[in-house]
Structures are given as C-alpha cells and as structure tokens.
Amino acid sequence: MTSQDPTVLPDPWQSLHQLLAAMDAEIEQVYVERGIKGVRPRFAYPLIRLAHTGPLTIRELAESLNRSHSAISQTIAAMRKEDLVTSEPGPDARTRRINLTERGRSLVPFLEAEWRATHATVAELDGEIPYAMTAVVDEVRRALEHRSMRERILHHLTEPPQ
C-alpha cells in the first residue's frame, strides 16, 4: 500500500462516463416515451445489423460491429431476456446463431429512424461547440497511434518500493 490513496483524486474519466451515460439515458427515454420497454440504446446497433444481415454467430456479429466478443455476448444475453433475439445452434457445437424475434424485427424501423436522428443530433452538437466531439476523438486516436496509451502509462509509472 502506498502512503496516499490515489482514488481520492478527481477521476479524469468521470465526466466522459457521466456524459455518455446521460446521453444514453435520454435516448432510452425516447424509447420509453414511444412505449418501447426493455430496450437499451446499446441494443440498436446489433438489432439493426441483424435485420440487414440475417442470423449471425456472436463472433460474426461482434466483428461486423467492431465490438468485443464479450461485450456482444453480454448484450445478446440481455436482448434475449427482452425477447428481441433468439439463439440456436450454429455450424458447430461451440457456436450459436443469433436471430431476431418478431418483436425485435418490429422495432427495427423505429431504431433505424432513431439512429439517423441521433447521428443528426451529434452533427448538430459538433456545430455548436468550439471543438467537435468527433474531431476530438479522431485527434486522440491519432495521438495514441503515434504513442500508445500503454507507452504513455509506462512513461509515468513509478514502481512502488519493495
């Protein structure tokens, strides 16, 4: 244990996490106001993709969305509980194919409209603030390509005395 608890310092990620959570909560509120219960904003991307591709394995879906297998697996489990998708045995014993239920399929037109409206909203926000969020994210990504997060952490890391 070190002499000072580093977690008492302000968390540099907190404001970003809070902003993203607040934005997701407002998107979810749009769903609730439309009478759509049990659907989370993170469900929209895989539901829309499955509507356009047909059944996919979790791995195929994760790759097509550029998400981790673990994240999509957890999302699929939550979507299954809300009767949005089904899973059936895939081409081999280790895989499952994910398909939309009738409920999931019926929500896709609205989710596509919300997706487009959300993209328009982000573009609107980008025009209202001095530094466009999308540009900042791209700049951070480029900086990390030049020198990775890992390299930067290791530069600042001081090993505790043994």
C-alpha atoms as a PDB file:
ATOM      1  CA  MET A   1       0.000   0.000   0.000  1.00  0.00           C
ATOM      2  CA  THR A   2       1.267   3.488  -0.830  1.00  0.00           C
ATOM      3  CA  SER A   3       1.106   6.421   1.531  1.00  0.00           C
ATOM      4  CA  GLN A   4      -1.734   8.220  -0.283  1.00  0.00           C
ATOM      5  CA  ASP A   5      -4.937   6.764  -1.765  1.00  0.00           C
ATOM      6  CA  PRO A   6      -4.783   7.787  -5.464  1.00  0.00           C
ATOM      7  CA  THR A   7      -8.531   7.226  -5.870  1.00  0.00           C
ATOM      8  CA  VAL A   8      -9.328  10.314  -3.788  1.00  0.00           C
ATOM      9  CA  LEU A   9      -8.074  12.473  -6.670  1.00  0.00           C
ATOM     10  CA  PRO A  10     -10.641  13.523  -9.293  1.00  0.00           C
ATOM     11  CA  ASP A  11     -11.171  10.792 -11.885  1.00  0.00           C
ATOM     12  CA  PRO A  12     -10.280  12.208 -15.324  1.00  0.00           C
ATOM     13  CA  TRP A  13     -12.709   9.759 -16.965  1.00  0.00           C
ATOM     14  CA  GLN A  14     -15.692  10.571 -14.737  1.00  0.00           C
ATOM     15  CA  SER A  15     -17.077  13.478 -16.750  1.00  0.00           C
ATOM     16  CA  LEU A  16     -16.863  11.488 -20.001  1.00  0.00           C
ATOM     17  CA  HIS A  17     -18.568   8.450 -18.433  1.00  0.00           C
ATOM     18  CA  GLN A  18     -21.267  10.673 -16.939  1.00  0.00           C
ATOM     19  CA  LEU A  19     -21.852  12.434 -20.269  1.00  0.00           C
ATOM     20  CA  LEU A  20     -22.176   9.168 -22.188  1.00  0.00           C
ATOM     21  CA  ALA A  21     -24.468   7.696 -19.513  1.00  0.00           C
ATOM     22  CA  ALA A  22     -26.669  10.816 -19.577  1.00  0.00           C
ATOM     23  CA  MET A  23     -26.895  10.732 -23.381  1.00  0.00           C
ATOM     24  CA  ASP A  24     -27.798   7.020 -23.335  1.00  0.00           C
ATOM     25  CA  ALA A  25     -30.429   7.688 -20.645  1.00  0.00           C
ATOM     26  CA  GLU A  26     -32.028  10.336 -22.844  1.00  0.00           C
ATOM     27  CA  ILE A  27     -32.065   8.005 -25.850  1.00  0.00           C
ATOM     28  CA  GLU A  28     -33.661   5.347 -23.657  1.00  0.00           C
ATOM     29  CA  GLN A  29     -36.246   7.924 -22.537  1.00  0.00           C
ATOM     30  CA  VAL A  30     -37.193   8.408 -26.215  1.00  0.00           C
ATOM     31  CA  TYR A  31     -37.862   4.652 -26.375  1.00  0.00           C
ATOM     32  CA  VAL A  32     -39.975   4.720 -23.202  1.00  0.00           C
ATOM     33  CA  GLU A  33     -41.983   7.705 -24.473  1.00  0.00           C
ATOM     34  CA  ARG A  34     -42.754   5.644 -27.597  1.00  0.00           C
ATOM     35  CA  GLY A  35     -43.947   2.727 -25.454  1.00  0.00           C
ATOM     36  CA  ILE A  36     -40.846   0.619 -26.128  1.00  0.00           C
ATOM     37  CA  LYS A  37     -39.980  -1.109 -22.872  1.00  0.00           C
ATOM     38  CA  GLY A  38     -36.843  -3.092 -22.067  1.00  0.00           C
ATOM     39  CA  VAL A  39     -34.799  -1.758 -24.988  1.00  0.00           C
ATOM     40  CA  ARG A  40     -31.474  -0.115 -24.271  1.00  0.00           C
ATOM     41  CA  PRO A  41     -29.587   2.133 -26.680  1.00  0.00           C
ATOM     42  CA  ARG A  42     -26.772  -0.435 -26.921  1.00  0.00           C
ATOM     43  CA  PHE A  43     -29.275  -2.885 -28.461  1.00  0.00           C
ATOM     44  CA  ALA A  44     -29.931  -0.719 -31.532  1.00  0.00           C
ATOM     45  CA  TYR A  45     -26.683  -1.428 -33.395  1.00  0.00           C
ATOM     46  CA  PRO A  46     -26.865  -5.251 -33.219  1.00  0.00           C
ATOM     47  CA  LEU A  47     -30.637  -5.308 -33.878  1.00  0.00           C
ATOM     48  CA  ILE A  48     -30.285  -3.154 -36.979  1.00  0.00           C
ATOM     49  CA  ARG A  49     -27.302  -5.169 -38.211  1.00  0.00           C
ATOM     50  CA  LEU A  50     -29.112  -8.496 -37.731  1.00  0.00           C
ATOM     51  CA  ALA A  51     -32.125  -7.118 -39.617  1.00  0.00           C
ATOM     52  CA  HIS A  52     -29.870  -6.408 -42.597  1.00  0.00           C
ATOM     53  CA  THR A  53     -27.629  -9.482 -42.484  1.00  0.00           C
ATOM     54  CA  GLY A  54     -29.853 -12.227 -41.155  1.00  0.00           C
ATOM     55  CA  PRO A  55     -28.643 -14.636 -38.458  1.00  0.00           C
ATOM     56  CA  LEU A  56     -25.008 -14.339 -37.375  1.00  0.00           C
ATOM     57  CA  THR A  57     -22.854 -16.027 -34.776  1.00  0.00           C
ATOM     58  CA  ILE A  58     -21.833 -13.875 -31.835  1.00  0.00           C
ATOM     59  CA  ARG A  59     -18.299 -13.729 -33.252  1.00  0.00           C
ATOM     60  CA  GLU A  60     -19.545 -12.643 -36.687  1.00  0.00           C
ATOM     61  CA  LEU A  61     -21.805 -10.024 -35.129  1.00  0.00           C
ATOM     62  CA  ALA A  62     -19.019  -8.712 -32.876  1.00  0.00           C
ATOM     63  CA  GLU A  63     -16.629  -8.442 -35.825  1.00  0.00           C
ATOM     64  CA  SER A  64     -19.216  -6.704 -38.009  1.00  0.00           C
ATOM     65  CA  LEU A  65     -19.868  -4.126 -35.259  1.00  0.00           C
ATOM     66  CA  ASN A  66     -16.198  -3.772 -34.283  1.00  0.00           C
ATOM     67  CA  ARG A  67     -17.032  -4.773 -30.702  1.00  0.00           C
ATOM     68  CA  SER A  68     -15.515  -7.393 -28.422  1.00  0.00           C
ATOM     69  CA  HIS A  69     -16.963 -10.900 -28.334  1.00  0.00           C
ATOM     70  CA  SER A  70     -17.542 -10.494 -24.591  1.00  0.00           C
ATOM     71  CA  ALA A  71     -19.456  -7.213 -24.968  1.00  0.00           C
ATOM     72  CA  ILE A  72     -21.705  -8.613 -27.705  1.00  0.00           C
ATOM     73  CA  SER A  73     -22.246 -11.837 -25.783  1.00  0.00           C
ATOM     74  CA  GLN A  74     -23.459  -9.826 -22.768  1.00  0.00           C
ATOM     75  CA  THR A  75     -25.638  -7.626 -24.987  1.00  0.00           C
ATOM     76  CA  ILE A  76     -27.170 -10.682 -26.673  1.00  0.00           C
ATOM     77  CA  ALA A  77     -27.960 -12.221 -23.270  1.00  0.00           C
ATOM     78  CA  ALA A  78     -29.750  -9.014 -22.230  1.00  0.00           C
ATOM     79  CA  MET A  79     -31.581  -8.826 -25.577  1.00  0.00           C
ATOM     80  CA  ARG A  80     -32.674 -12.457 -25.257  1.00  0.00           C
ATOM     81  CA  LYS A  81     -34.252 -11.649 -21.866  1.00  0.00           C
ATOM     82  CA  GLU A  82     -36.285  -8.907 -23.569  1.00  0.00           C
ATOM     83  CA  ASP A  83     -37.465 -11.280 -26.336  1.00  0.00           C
ATOM     84  CA  LEU A  84     -35.570  -9.373 -29.039  1.00  0.00           C
ATOM     85  CA  VAL A  85     -33.366 -12.213 -30.284  1.00  0.00           C
ATOM     86  CA  THR A  86     -33.148 -15.969 -30.206  1.00  0.00           C
ATOM     87  CA  SER A  87     -30.109 -18.184 -30.384  1.00  0.00           C
ATOM     88  CA  GLU A  88     -29.885 -21.587 -31.987  1.00  0.00           C
ATOM     89  CA  PRO A  89     -27.019 -23.989 -32.563  1.00  0.00           C
ATOM     90  CA  GLY A  90     -24.532 -22.722 -35.127  1.00  0.00           C
ATOM     91  CA  PRO A  91     -22.420 -24.574 -37.681  1.00  0.00           C
ATOM     92  CA  ASP A  92     -20.517 -26.375 -34.913  1.00  0.00           C
ATOM     93  CA  ALA A  93     -21.174 -27.241 -31.281  1.00  0.00           C
ATOM     94  CA  ARG A  94     -19.269 -24.216 -29.973  1.00  0.00           C
ATOM     95  CA  THR A  95     -21.246 -21.517 -31.764  1.00  0.00           C
ATOM     96  CA  ARG A  96     -24.745 -20.090 -31.577  1.00  0.00           C
ATOM     97  CA  ARG A  97     -26.518 -18.235 -34.371  1.00  0.00           C
ATOM     98  CA  ILE A  98     -28.390 -15.125 -33.275  1.00  0.00           C
ATOM     99  CA  ASN A  99     -31.625 -14.181 -34.997  1.00  0.00           C
ATOM    100  CA  LEU A 100     -34.280 -11.526 -34.450  1.00  0.00           C
ATOM    101  CA  THR A 101     -37.572 -12.416 -32.863  1.00  0.00           C
ATOM    102  CA  GLU A 102     -40.766 -10.936 -34.252  1.00  0.00           C
ATOM    103  CA  ARG A 103     -40.608  -8.288 -31.520  1.00  0.00           C
ATOM    104  CA  GLY A 104     -37.003  -7.449 -32.388  1.00  0.00           C
ATOM    105  CA  ARG A 105     -37.803  -7.218 -36.097  1.00  0.00           C
ATOM    106  CA  SER A 106     -40.826  -4.979 -35.448  1.00  0.00           C
ATOM    107  CA  LEU A 107     -38.634  -2.426 -33.619  1.00  0.00           C
ATOM    108  CA  VAL A 108     -36.012  -2.080 -36.354  1.00  0.00           C
ATOM    109  CA  PRO A 109     -37.759   0.643 -38.421  1.00  0.00           C
ATOM    110  CA  PHE A 110     -38.021   2.862 -35.327  1.00  0.00           C
ATOM    111  CA  LEU A 111     -34.457   2.056 -34.241  1.00  0.00           C
ATOM    112  CA  GLU A 112     -33.166   2.967 -37.703  1.00  0.00           C
ATOM    113  CA  ALA A 113     -35.037   6.292 -37.516  1.00  0.00           C
ATOM    114  CA  GLU A 114     -33.657   6.933 -34.007  1.00  0.00           C
ATOM    115  CA  TRP A 115     -30.139   6.011 -35.235  1.00  0.00           C
ATOM    116  CA  ARG A 116     -30.372   8.608 -38.016  1.00  0.00           C
ATOM    117  CA  ALA A 117     -31.824  11.215 -35.631  1.00  0.00           C
ATOM    118  CA  THR A 118     -29.021  10.553 -33.127  1.00  0.00           C
ATOM    119  CA  HIS A 119     -26.387  10.989 -35.858  1.00  0.00           C
ATOM    120  CA  ALA A 120     -28.039  14.261 -36.895  1.00  0.00           C
ATOM    121  CA  THR A 121     -28.028  15.347 -33.245  1.00  0.00           C
ATOM    122  CA  VAL A 122     -24.299  14.617 -32.890  1.00  0.00           C
ATOM    123  CA  ALA A 123     -23.625  16.639 -36.057  1.00  0.00           C
ATOM    124  CA  GLU A 124     -25.740  19.462 -34.607  1.00  0.00           C
ATOM    125  CA  LEU A 125     -23.780  19.356 -31.341  1.00  0.00           C
ATOM    126  CA  ASP A 126     -20.491  19.317 -33.256  1.00  0.00           C
ATOM    127  CA  GLY A 127     -21.587  22.579 -34.891  1.00  0.00           C
ATOM    128  CA  GLU A 128     -22.460  24.218 -31.569  1.00  0.00           C
ATOM    129  CA  ILE A 129     -19.278  23.582 -29.628  1.00  0.00           C
ATOM    130  CA  PRO A 130     -15.801  25.021 -30.238  1.00  0.00           C
ATOM    131  CA  TYR A 131     -14.229  21.575 -30.664  1.00  0.00           C
ATOM    132  CA  ALA A 132     -16.293  18.962 -32.463  1.00  0.00           C
ATOM    133  CA  MET A 133     -16.584  15.774 -30.394  1.00  0.00           C
ATOM    134  CA  THR A 134     -15.936  13.641 -33.453  1.00  0.00           C
ATOM    135  CA  ALA A 135     -12.799  15.654 -34.292  1.00  0.00           C
ATOM    136  CA  VAL A 136     -11.511  15.410 -30.712  1.00  0.00           C
ATOM    137  CA  VAL A 137     -11.994  11.634 -30.722  1.00  0.00           C
ATOM    138  CA  ASP A 138     -10.129  11.384 -34.049  1.00  0.00           C
ATOM    139  CA  GLU A 139      -7.296  13.564 -32.698  1.00  0.00           C
ATOM    140  CA  VAL A 140      -6.984  11.452 -29.544  1.00  0.00           C
ATOM    141  CA  ARG A 141      -6.939   8.301 -31.685  1.00  0.00           C
ATOM    142  CA  ARG A 142      -4.174   9.756 -33.901  1.00  0.00           C
ATOM    143  CA  ALA A 143      -2.132  10.786 -30.849  1.00  0.00           C
ATOM    144  CA  LEU A 144      -2.453   7.253 -29.443  1.00  0.00           C
ATOM    145  CA  GLU A 145      -1.369   5.775 -32.776  1.00  0.00           C
ATOM    146  CA  HIS A 146       1.775   7.911 -32.501  1.00  0.00           C
ATOM    147  CA  ARG A 147       2.394   6.882 -28.880  1.00  0.00           C
ATOM    148  CA  SER A 148       0.109   4.275 -27.324  1.00  0.00           C
ATOM    149  CA  MET A 149      -1.753   4.560 -24.047  1.00  0.00           C
ATOM    150  CA  ARG A 150       0.406   1.714 -22.725  1.00  0.00           C
ATOM    151  CA  GLU A 151       3.617   3.549 -23.628  1.00  0.00           C
ATOM    152  CA  ARG A 152       2.330   6.726 -22.006  1.00  0.00           C
ATOM    153  CA  ILE A 153       1.347   4.913 -18.804  1.00  0.00           C
ATOM    154  CA  LEU A 154       4.704   3.154 -18.615  1.00  0.00           C
ATOM    155  CA  HIS A 155       6.457   6.540 -19.005  1.00  0.00           C
ATOM    156  CA  HIS A 156       4.611   7.855 -15.927  1.00  0.00           C
ATOM    157  CA  LEU A 157       4.587   4.629 -13.914  1.00  0.00           C
ATOM    158  CA  THR A 158       6.701   4.625 -10.793  1.00  0.00           C
ATOM    159  CA  GLU A 159       7.048   1.171  -9.331  1.00  0.00           C
ATOM    160  CA  PRO A 160       6.339   1.007  -5.592  1.00  0.00           C
ATOM    161  CA  PRO A 161       9.325   0.202  -3.383  1.00  0.00           C
ATOM    162  CA  GLN A 162       9.604  -3.444  -2.394  1.00  0.00           C
END
